[in-house]
Amino acid sequence: MKYLACQDGALDPETGVCSAEVWVDAPSWQDGMPTLEQANQVGMAFFVSLVGLYVAKRLLSPDNDRAE
């Protein structure tokens, strides 16, 4: 999306009128989103960390399921 803006130094301080205007590209919310490759890396890291926590819990905690 583009918007019309006053060029730097082109604003007359006495009248407040801009003598030179330029079209400027406005940043979009999509510019802050990760790429597909970055999103896959984050998702895989999250999944591996959850699996690692589950495995560590099962290895380090006593087995309460078999106690009778």
N, C-alpha and C. Protein backbone atom coordinates (compact mmCIF):
# COMPACT_ATOMS: atom_id res chain seq x y z
N MET A 1 0.84 -1.16 0.00
CA MET A 1 0.00 0.00 0.00
C MET A 1 0.89 1.24 0.00
N LYS A 2 0.54 2.21 -0.78
CA LYS A 2 1.31 3.44 -0.86
C LYS A 2 0.48 4.60 -0.33
N TYR A 3 1.18 5.57 0.22
CA TYR A 3 0.51 6.78 0.66
C TYR A 3 1.34 7.99 0.25
N LEU A 4 0.65 9.14 0.14
CA LEU A 4 1.29 10.37 -0.29
C LEU A 4 1.84 11.09 0.92
N ALA A 5 3.14 11.43 0.89
CA ALA A 5 3.78 12.09 2.01
C ALA A 5 4.59 13.29 1.52
N CYS A 6 4.80 14.21 2.41
CA CYS A 6 5.61 15.39 2.10
C CYS A 6 7.09 15.00 2.15
N GLN A 7 7.83 15.43 1.13
CA GLN A 7 9.26 15.13 1.08
C GLN A 7 9.98 15.92 2.17
N ASP A 8 11.07 15.33 2.71
CA ASP A 8 11.82 15.98 3.78
C ASP A 8 12.29 17.37 3.36
N GLY A 9 12.03 18.37 4.18
CA GLY A 9 12.46 19.74 3.91
C GLY A 9 11.59 20.50 2.95
N ALA A 10 10.50 19.91 2.46
CA ALA A 10 9.66 20.58 1.48
C ALA A 10 8.45 21.26 2.12
N LEU A 11 8.31 21.16 3.43
CA LEU A 11 7.18 21.78 4.12
C LEU A 11 7.54 23.21 4.49
N ASP A 12 6.72 24.15 4.03
CA ASP A 12 6.94 25.55 4.36
C ASP A 12 6.45 25.80 5.78
N PRO A 13 7.33 26.20 6.71
CA PRO A 13 6.92 26.35 8.12
C PRO A 13 5.93 27.48 8.35
N GLU A 14 5.91 28.48 7.47
CA GLU A 14 5.00 29.61 7.67
C GLU A 14 3.57 29.28 7.23
N THR A 15 3.44 28.64 6.07
CA THR A 15 2.11 28.36 5.54
C THR A 15 1.64 26.95 5.86
N GLY A 16 2.58 26.03 6.11
CA GLY A 16 2.23 24.64 6.37
C GLY A 16 1.87 23.87 5.11
N VAL A 17 2.27 24.41 3.96
CA VAL A 17 1.99 23.78 2.67
C VAL A 17 3.22 23.03 2.20
N CYS A 18 3.00 21.84 1.68
CA CYS A 18 4.09 21.01 1.17
C CYS A 18 4.33 21.34 -0.30
N SER A 19 5.58 21.62 -0.65
CA SER A 19 5.90 21.98 -2.03
C SER A 19 6.31 20.76 -2.86
N ALA A 20 6.69 19.66 -2.22
CA ALA A 20 7.10 18.46 -2.96
C ALA A 20 6.56 17.23 -2.22
N GLU A 21 5.74 16.47 -2.92
CA GLU A 21 5.16 15.25 -2.34
C GLU A 21 5.68 14.02 -3.06
N VAL A 22 5.79 12.92 -2.33
CA VAL A 22 6.26 11.67 -2.91
C VAL A 22 5.35 10.53 -2.44
N TRP A 23 5.27 9.49 -3.26
CA TRP A 23 4.52 8.28 -2.88
C TRP A 23 5.46 7.36 -2.12
N VAL A 24 5.04 6.92 -0.94
CA VAL A 24 5.89 6.12 -0.07
C VAL A 24 5.21 4.77 0.16
N ASP A 25 6.01 3.68 0.10
CA ASP A 25 5.48 2.35 0.40
C ASP A 25 5.30 2.20 1.90
N ALA A 26 4.10 1.83 2.30
CA ALA A 26 3.82 1.62 3.73
C ALA A 26 4.11 0.17 4.07
N PRO A 27 4.79 -0.09 5.20
CA PRO A 27 5.03 -1.48 5.59
C PRO A 27 3.71 -2.16 5.94
N SER A 28 3.60 -3.40 5.57
CA SER A 28 2.39 -4.18 5.82
C SER A 28 2.63 -5.11 7.00
N TRP A 29 1.54 -5.62 7.59
CA TRP A 29 1.68 -6.59 8.68
C TRP A 29 2.31 -7.87 8.17
N GLN A 30 2.21 -8.12 6.88
CA GLN A 30 2.78 -9.33 6.30
C GLN A 30 4.31 -9.27 6.25
N ASP A 31 4.87 -8.07 6.30
CA ASP A 31 6.33 -7.93 6.28
C ASP A 31 6.95 -8.49 7.55
N GLY A 32 6.19 -8.52 8.65
CA GLY A 32 6.71 -9.03 9.91
C GLY A 32 6.53 -10.52 10.10
N MET A 33 5.84 -11.16 9.18
CA MET A 33 5.60 -12.60 9.29
C MET A 33 6.82 -13.38 8.83
N PRO A 34 7.06 -14.55 9.44
CA PRO A 34 8.21 -15.35 9.01
C PRO A 34 7.94 -16.03 7.67
N THR A 35 9.02 -16.42 7.01
CA THR A 35 8.87 -17.18 5.78
C THR A 35 8.44 -18.60 6.12
N LEU A 36 8.06 -19.36 5.13
CA LEU A 36 7.64 -20.74 5.35
C LEU A 36 8.77 -21.58 5.92
N GLU A 37 9.98 -21.36 5.46
CA GLU A 37 11.14 -22.11 5.97
C GLU A 37 11.39 -21.77 7.45
N GLN A 38 11.30 -20.50 7.79
CA GLN A 38 11.50 -20.10 9.19
C GLN A 38 10.41 -20.68 10.09
N ALA A 39 9.17 -20.67 9.62
CA ALA A 39 8.07 -21.21 10.40
C ALA A 39 8.23 -22.72 10.61
N ASN A 40 8.71 -23.43 9.60
CA ASN A 40 8.94 -24.87 9.73
C ASN A 40 10.05 -25.15 10.74
N GLN A 41 11.08 -24.34 10.74
CA GLN A 41 12.18 -24.52 11.70
C GLN A 41 11.70 -24.29 13.13
N VAL A 42 10.90 -23.26 13.35
CA VAL A 42 10.38 -22.97 14.69
C VAL A 42 9.43 -24.08 15.13
N GLY A 43 8.58 -24.54 14.24
CA GLY A 43 7.65 -25.62 14.57
C GLY A 43 8.36 -26.91 14.91
N MET A 44 9.39 -27.24 14.16
CA MET A 44 10.15 -28.46 14.43
C MET A 44 10.89 -28.34 15.75
N ALA A 45 11.47 -27.18 16.04
CA ALA A 45 12.17 -26.99 17.32
C ALA A 45 11.19 -27.11 18.49
N PHE A 46 9.99 -26.58 18.35
CA PHE A 46 8.98 -26.68 19.39
C PHE A 46 8.57 -28.13 19.61
N PHE A 47 8.34 -28.87 18.52
CA PHE A 47 7.94 -30.27 18.61
C PHE A 47 9.04 -31.12 19.25
N VAL A 48 10.28 -30.92 18.83
CA VAL A 48 11.40 -31.69 19.38
C VAL A 48 11.58 -31.38 20.86
N SER A 49 11.39 -30.14 21.27
CA SER A 49 11.54 -29.80 22.69
C SER A 49 10.43 -30.45 23.52
N LEU A 50 9.21 -30.50 22.99
CA LEU A 50 8.13 -31.18 23.72
C LEU A 50 8.40 -32.67 23.86
N VAL A 51 8.86 -33.30 22.79
CA VAL A 51 9.18 -34.72 22.85
C VAL A 51 10.33 -34.95 23.81
N GLY A 52 11.33 -34.07 23.80
CA GLY A 52 12.45 -34.20 24.73
C GLY A 52 12.02 -34.06 26.17
N LEU A 53 11.12 -33.14 26.47
CA LEU A 53 10.60 -33.01 27.83
C LEU A 53 9.83 -34.25 28.26
N TYR A 54 9.04 -34.81 27.36
CA TYR A 54 8.27 -36.01 27.67
C TYR A 54 9.22 -37.18 27.96
N VAL A 55 10.24 -37.36 27.13
CA VAL A 55 11.20 -38.45 27.32
C VAL A 55 11.96 -38.26 28.63
N ALA A 56 12.38 -37.05 28.93
CA ALA A 56 13.10 -36.79 30.17
C ALA A 56 12.22 -37.07 31.37
N LYS A 57 10.96 -36.70 31.30
CA LYS A 57 10.03 -36.97 32.40
C LYS A 57 9.85 -38.46 32.62
N ARG A 58 9.71 -39.20 31.52
CA ARG A 58 9.51 -40.65 31.63
C ARG A 58 10.77 -41.35 32.14
N LEU A 59 11.95 -40.84 31.79
CA LEU A 59 13.19 -41.47 32.23
C LEU A 59 13.55 -41.12 33.68
N LEU A 60 13.23 -39.92 34.11
CA LEU A 60 13.66 -39.45 35.42
C LEU A 60 12.63 -39.66 36.53
N SER A 61 11.40 -39.85 36.19
CA SER A 61 10.37 -40.03 37.22
C SER A 61 10.13 -41.52 37.47
N PRO A 62 9.74 -41.86 38.67
CA PRO A 62 9.45 -43.28 38.94
C PRO A 62 8.21 -43.72 38.16
N ASP A 63 8.19 -44.97 37.83
CA ASP A 63 7.09 -45.51 37.07
C ASP A 63 5.91 -45.82 38.00
N ASN A 64 4.95 -44.93 38.06
CA ASN A 64 3.80 -45.10 38.95
C ASN A 64 2.72 -45.99 38.35
N ASP A 65 2.79 -46.23 37.06
CA ASP A 65 1.76 -47.03 36.42
C ASP A 65 1.83 -48.50 36.80
N ARG A 66 3.00 -49.04 37.10
CA ARG A 66 3.17 -50.47 37.37
C ARG A 66 3.17 -50.80 38.86
N ALA A 67 3.10 -49.78 39.71
CA ALA A 67 3.11 -50.04 41.16
C ALA A 67 1.74 -50.57 41.59
N GLU A 68 1.76 -51.70 42.29
CA GLU A 68 0.50 -52.29 42.73
C GLU A 68 0.50 -52.49 44.22
